[in-house]
Amino acid sequence: MNVEEFRDYCLSKKGVTESFPFDNVTLVFKVMGKIFTICGLERLPPQVNLKCDPERAVALREAYDGLIVPGYHMSKIHWNTVLIDSNLPHELLLELIDHSYDLIVSKLPKKVREELNEL
């Protein structure tokens, strides 16, 4: 998956916006105003930070050593950095994006989740 495919997939999800709140090379995707992924556009190979269940995060790091690592500049417990232009299976990348999105949505206040469902 390249950065353009990653961007398109993130933007296809309900309630997602993109912005550059930190600088002009760090693309941030939010669902209903909450970050679910961050993509460093100048980093090579391309990589993204994705939220992950803590136990699963450790298992993924062990299974995909060097391709999935503790989150860069993020909580190492809840975030992984994933090399998207790598040998990781395409379906796994999509599932990890979905997982990050779903984790954030599950923590949104009930009223905000209802607004998201109405979109």
C-alpha atoms as a PDB file:
ATOM      1  CA  MET A   1       0.000   0.000   0.000  1.00  0.00           C
ATOM      2  CA  ASN A   2       1.337   3.408  -0.863  1.00  0.00           C
ATOM      3  CA  VAL A   3       0.536   6.705   0.848  1.00  0.00           C
ATOM      4  CA  GLU A   4      -2.148   7.655  -1.696  1.00  0.00           C
ATOM      5  CA  GLU A   5      -3.980   4.349  -1.218  1.00  0.00           C
ATOM      6  CA  PHE A   6      -3.675   4.757   2.548  1.00  0.00           C
ATOM      7  CA  ARG A   7      -5.115   8.277   2.356  1.00  0.00           C
ATOM      8  CA  ASP A   8      -7.997   7.207   0.119  1.00  0.00           C
ATOM      9  CA  TYR A   9      -8.913   4.333   2.415  1.00  0.00           C
ATOM     10  CA  CYS A  10      -8.869   6.534   5.531  1.00  0.00           C
ATOM     11  CA  LEU A  11     -11.005   9.199   3.856  1.00  0.00           C
ATOM     12  CA  SER A  12     -13.540   6.573   2.746  1.00  0.00           C
ATOM     13  CA  LYS A  13     -14.484   5.977   6.376  1.00  0.00           C
ATOM     14  CA  LYS A  14     -17.474   7.770   7.884  1.00  0.00           C
ATOM     15  CA  GLY A  15     -16.800  11.044   9.735  1.00  0.00           C
ATOM     16  CA  VAL A  16     -13.108  11.275   8.785  1.00  0.00           C
ATOM     17  CA  THR A  17     -11.232  14.495   8.129  1.00  0.00           C
ATOM     18  CA  GLU A  18      -7.598  15.119   7.261  1.00  0.00           C
ATOM     19  CA  SER A  19      -5.375  17.990   8.367  1.00  0.00           C
ATOM     20  CA  PHE A  20      -1.822  19.104   9.074  1.00  0.00           C
ATOM     21  CA  PRO A  21      -2.105  20.334  12.690  1.00  0.00           C
ATOM     22  CA  PHE A  22       1.567  19.814  13.612  1.00  0.00           C
ATOM     23  CA  ASP A  23       3.513  20.819  10.484  1.00  0.00           C
ATOM     24  CA  ASN A  24       3.251  20.564   6.710  1.00  0.00           C
ATOM     25  CA  VAL A  25       4.639  17.006   6.444  1.00  0.00           C
ATOM     26  CA  THR A  26       2.608  15.163   9.096  1.00  0.00           C
ATOM     27  CA  LEU A  27      -0.823  14.199   7.811  1.00  0.00           C
ATOM     28  CA  VAL A  28      -3.393  13.499  10.525  1.00  0.00           C
ATOM     29  CA  PHE A  29      -6.686  11.680  10.088  1.00  0.00           C
ATOM     30  CA  LYS A  30      -9.427  12.214  12.663  1.00  0.00           C
ATOM     31  CA  VAL A  31     -12.836  10.688  13.185  1.00  0.00           C
ATOM     32  CA  MET A  32     -15.239  13.182  14.744  1.00  0.00           C
ATOM     33  CA  GLY A  33     -12.287  15.304  15.839  1.00  0.00           C
ATOM     34  CA  LYS A  34     -10.211  12.494  17.428  1.00  0.00           C
ATOM     35  CA  ILE A  35      -6.963  11.244  15.890  1.00  0.00           C
ATOM     36  CA  PHE A  36      -6.975   7.650  14.671  1.00  0.00           C
ATOM     37  CA  THR A  37      -3.871   7.733  12.491  1.00  0.00           C
ATOM     38  CA  ILE A  38      -0.872   9.909  11.725  1.00  0.00           C
ATOM     39  CA  CYS A  39       1.214   9.668   8.565  1.00  0.00           C
ATOM     40  CA  GLY A  40       4.665  11.205   8.206  1.00  0.00           C
ATOM     41  CA  LEU A  41       4.862  12.171   4.542  1.00  0.00           C
ATOM     42  CA  GLU A  42       8.637  12.630   4.463  1.00  0.00           C
ATOM     43  CA  ARG A  43       9.529   9.424   6.283  1.00  0.00           C
ATOM     44  CA  LEU A  44      11.016   6.644   4.181  1.00  0.00           C
ATOM     45  CA  PRO A  45       9.878   3.999   3.999  1.00  0.00           C
ATOM     46  CA  PRO A  46       6.328   5.339   4.394  1.00  0.00           C
ATOM     47  CA  GLN A  47       4.948   4.658   7.840  1.00  0.00           C
ATOM     48  CA  VAL A  48       1.878   5.468   9.867  1.00  0.00           C
ATOM     49  CA  ASN A  49       0.924   5.456  13.517  1.00  0.00           C
ATOM     50  CA  LEU A  50      -2.188   3.435  14.283  1.00  0.00           C
ATOM     51  CA  LYS A  51      -3.936   2.955  17.612  1.00  0.00           C
ATOM     52  CA  CYS A  52      -4.076  -0.664  18.733  1.00  0.00           C
ATOM     53  CA  ASP A  53      -5.336  -2.788  21.594  1.00  0.00           C
ATOM     54  CA  PRO A  54      -2.298  -3.125  23.938  1.00  0.00           C
ATOM     55  CA  GLU A  55      -2.129  -6.938  23.923  1.00  0.00           C
ATOM     56  CA  ARG A  56      -2.587  -7.115  20.191  1.00  0.00           C
ATOM     57  CA  ALA A  57       0.017  -4.392  19.694  1.00  0.00           C
ATOM     58  CA  VAL A  58       2.678  -6.546  21.352  1.00  0.00           C
ATOM     59  CA  ALA A  59       1.646  -9.639  19.369  1.00  0.00           C
ATOM     60  CA  LEU A  60       1.815  -7.715  16.083  1.00  0.00           C
ATOM     61  CA  ARG A  61       5.275  -6.348  16.918  1.00  0.00           C
ATOM     62  CA  GLU A  62       6.508  -9.874  17.587  1.00  0.00           C
ATOM     63  CA  ALA A  63       4.888 -11.360  14.477  1.00  0.00           C
ATOM     64  CA  TYR A  64       6.051  -8.560  12.147  1.00  0.00           C
ATOM     65  CA  ASP A  65       9.384  -7.609  13.694  1.00  0.00           C
ATOM     66  CA  GLY A  66      10.755  -4.454  12.105  1.00  0.00           C
ATOM     67  CA  LEU A  67       7.583  -3.798  10.098  1.00  0.00           C
ATOM     68  CA  ILE A  68       5.362  -3.021  13.087  1.00  0.00           C
ATOM     69  CA  VAL A  69       7.125  -1.281  15.978  1.00  0.00           C
ATOM     70  CA  PRO A  70       6.117   0.749  19.056  1.00  0.00           C
ATOM     71  CA  GLY A  71       4.481   4.042  18.106  1.00  0.00           C
ATOM     72  CA  TYR A  72       6.901   6.801  17.086  1.00  0.00           C
ATOM     73  CA  HIS A  73       6.318   9.847  19.341  1.00  0.00           C
ATOM     74  CA  MET A  74       3.182   8.168  20.717  1.00  0.00           C
ATOM     75  CA  SER A  75       2.210   6.020  23.698  1.00  0.00           C
ATOM     76  CA  LYS A  76       4.146   2.796  23.145  1.00  0.00           C
ATOM     77  CA  ILE A  77       1.335   0.885  24.857  1.00  0.00           C
ATOM     78  CA  HIS A  78      -1.540   2.032  22.643  1.00  0.00           C
ATOM     79  CA  TRP A  79       0.070   2.930  19.318  1.00  0.00           C
ATOM     80  CA  ASN A  80       2.097   1.084  16.684  1.00  0.00           C
ATOM     81  CA  THR A  81       4.135   2.492  13.843  1.00  0.00           C
ATOM     82  CA  VAL A  82       3.450   0.441  10.734  1.00  0.00           C
ATOM     83  CA  LEU A  83       5.558   0.455   7.573  1.00  0.00           C
ATOM     84  CA  ILE A  84       2.821   0.598   4.948  1.00  0.00           C
ATOM     85  CA  ASP A  85       5.007   0.158   1.865  1.00  0.00           C
ATOM     86  CA  SER A  86       6.412  -3.184   3.007  1.00  0.00           C
ATOM     87  CA  ASN A  87       5.815  -6.904   2.880  1.00  0.00           C
ATOM     88  CA  LEU A  88       2.833  -6.685   5.206  1.00  0.00           C
ATOM     89  CA  PRO A  89      -0.280  -8.258   3.700  1.00  0.00           C
ATOM     90  CA  HIS A  90      -2.603  -5.659   2.181  1.00  0.00           C
ATOM     91  CA  GLU A  91      -5.601  -7.090   4.043  1.00  0.00           C
ATOM     92  CA  LEU A  92      -3.731  -6.779   7.357  1.00  0.00           C
ATOM     93  CA  LEU A  93      -3.044  -3.079   6.699  1.00  0.00           C
ATOM     94  CA  LEU A  94      -6.709  -2.439   5.966  1.00  0.00           C
ATOM     95  CA  GLU A  95      -7.713  -4.343   9.092  1.00  0.00           C
ATOM     96  CA  LEU A  96      -5.248  -2.352  11.244  1.00  0.00           C
ATOM     97  CA  ILE A  97      -6.659   0.931   9.927  1.00  0.00           C
ATOM     98  CA  ASP A  98     -10.177  -0.324  10.692  1.00  0.00           C
ATOM     99  CA  HIS A  99      -9.087  -1.434  14.171  1.00  0.00           C
ATOM    100  CA  SER A 100      -7.609   1.989  14.967  1.00  0.00           C
ATOM    101  CA  TYR A 101     -10.728   3.750  13.686  1.00  0.00           C
ATOM    102  CA  ASP A 102     -13.017   1.421  15.662  1.00  0.00           C
ATOM    103  CA  LEU A 103     -11.037   1.901  18.884  1.00  0.00           C
ATOM    104  CA  ILE A 104     -11.386   5.665  18.630  1.00  0.00           C
ATOM    105  CA  VAL A 105     -15.089   5.491  17.737  1.00  0.00           C
ATOM    106  CA  SER A 106     -15.755   3.194  20.696  1.00  0.00           C
ATOM    107  CA  LYS A 107     -14.358   5.836  23.087  1.00  0.00           C
ATOM    108  CA  LEU A 108     -16.352   8.743  21.652  1.00  0.00           C
ATOM    109  CA  PRO A 109     -19.114  10.138  23.847  1.00  0.00           C
ATOM    110  CA  LYS A 110     -22.507   8.572  23.122  1.00  0.00           C
ATOM    111  CA  LYS A 111     -23.861  11.797  21.610  1.00  0.00           C
ATOM    112  CA  VAL A 112     -20.905  12.049  19.202  1.00  0.00           C
ATOM    113  CA  ARG A 113     -21.266   8.361  18.219  1.00  0.00           C
ATOM    114  CA  GLU A 114     -24.937   9.031  17.458  1.00  0.00           C
ATOM    115  CA  GLU A 115     -23.947  12.017  15.286  1.00  0.00           C
ATOM    116  CA  LEU A 116     -21.450   9.790  13.451  1.00  0.00           C
ATOM    117  CA  ASN A 117     -24.131   7.146  12.845  1.00  0.00           C
ATOM    118  CA  GLU A 118     -26.359   9.807  11.302  1.00  0.00           C
ATOM    119  CA  LEU A 119     -23.770  10.830   8.711  1.00  0.00           C
END
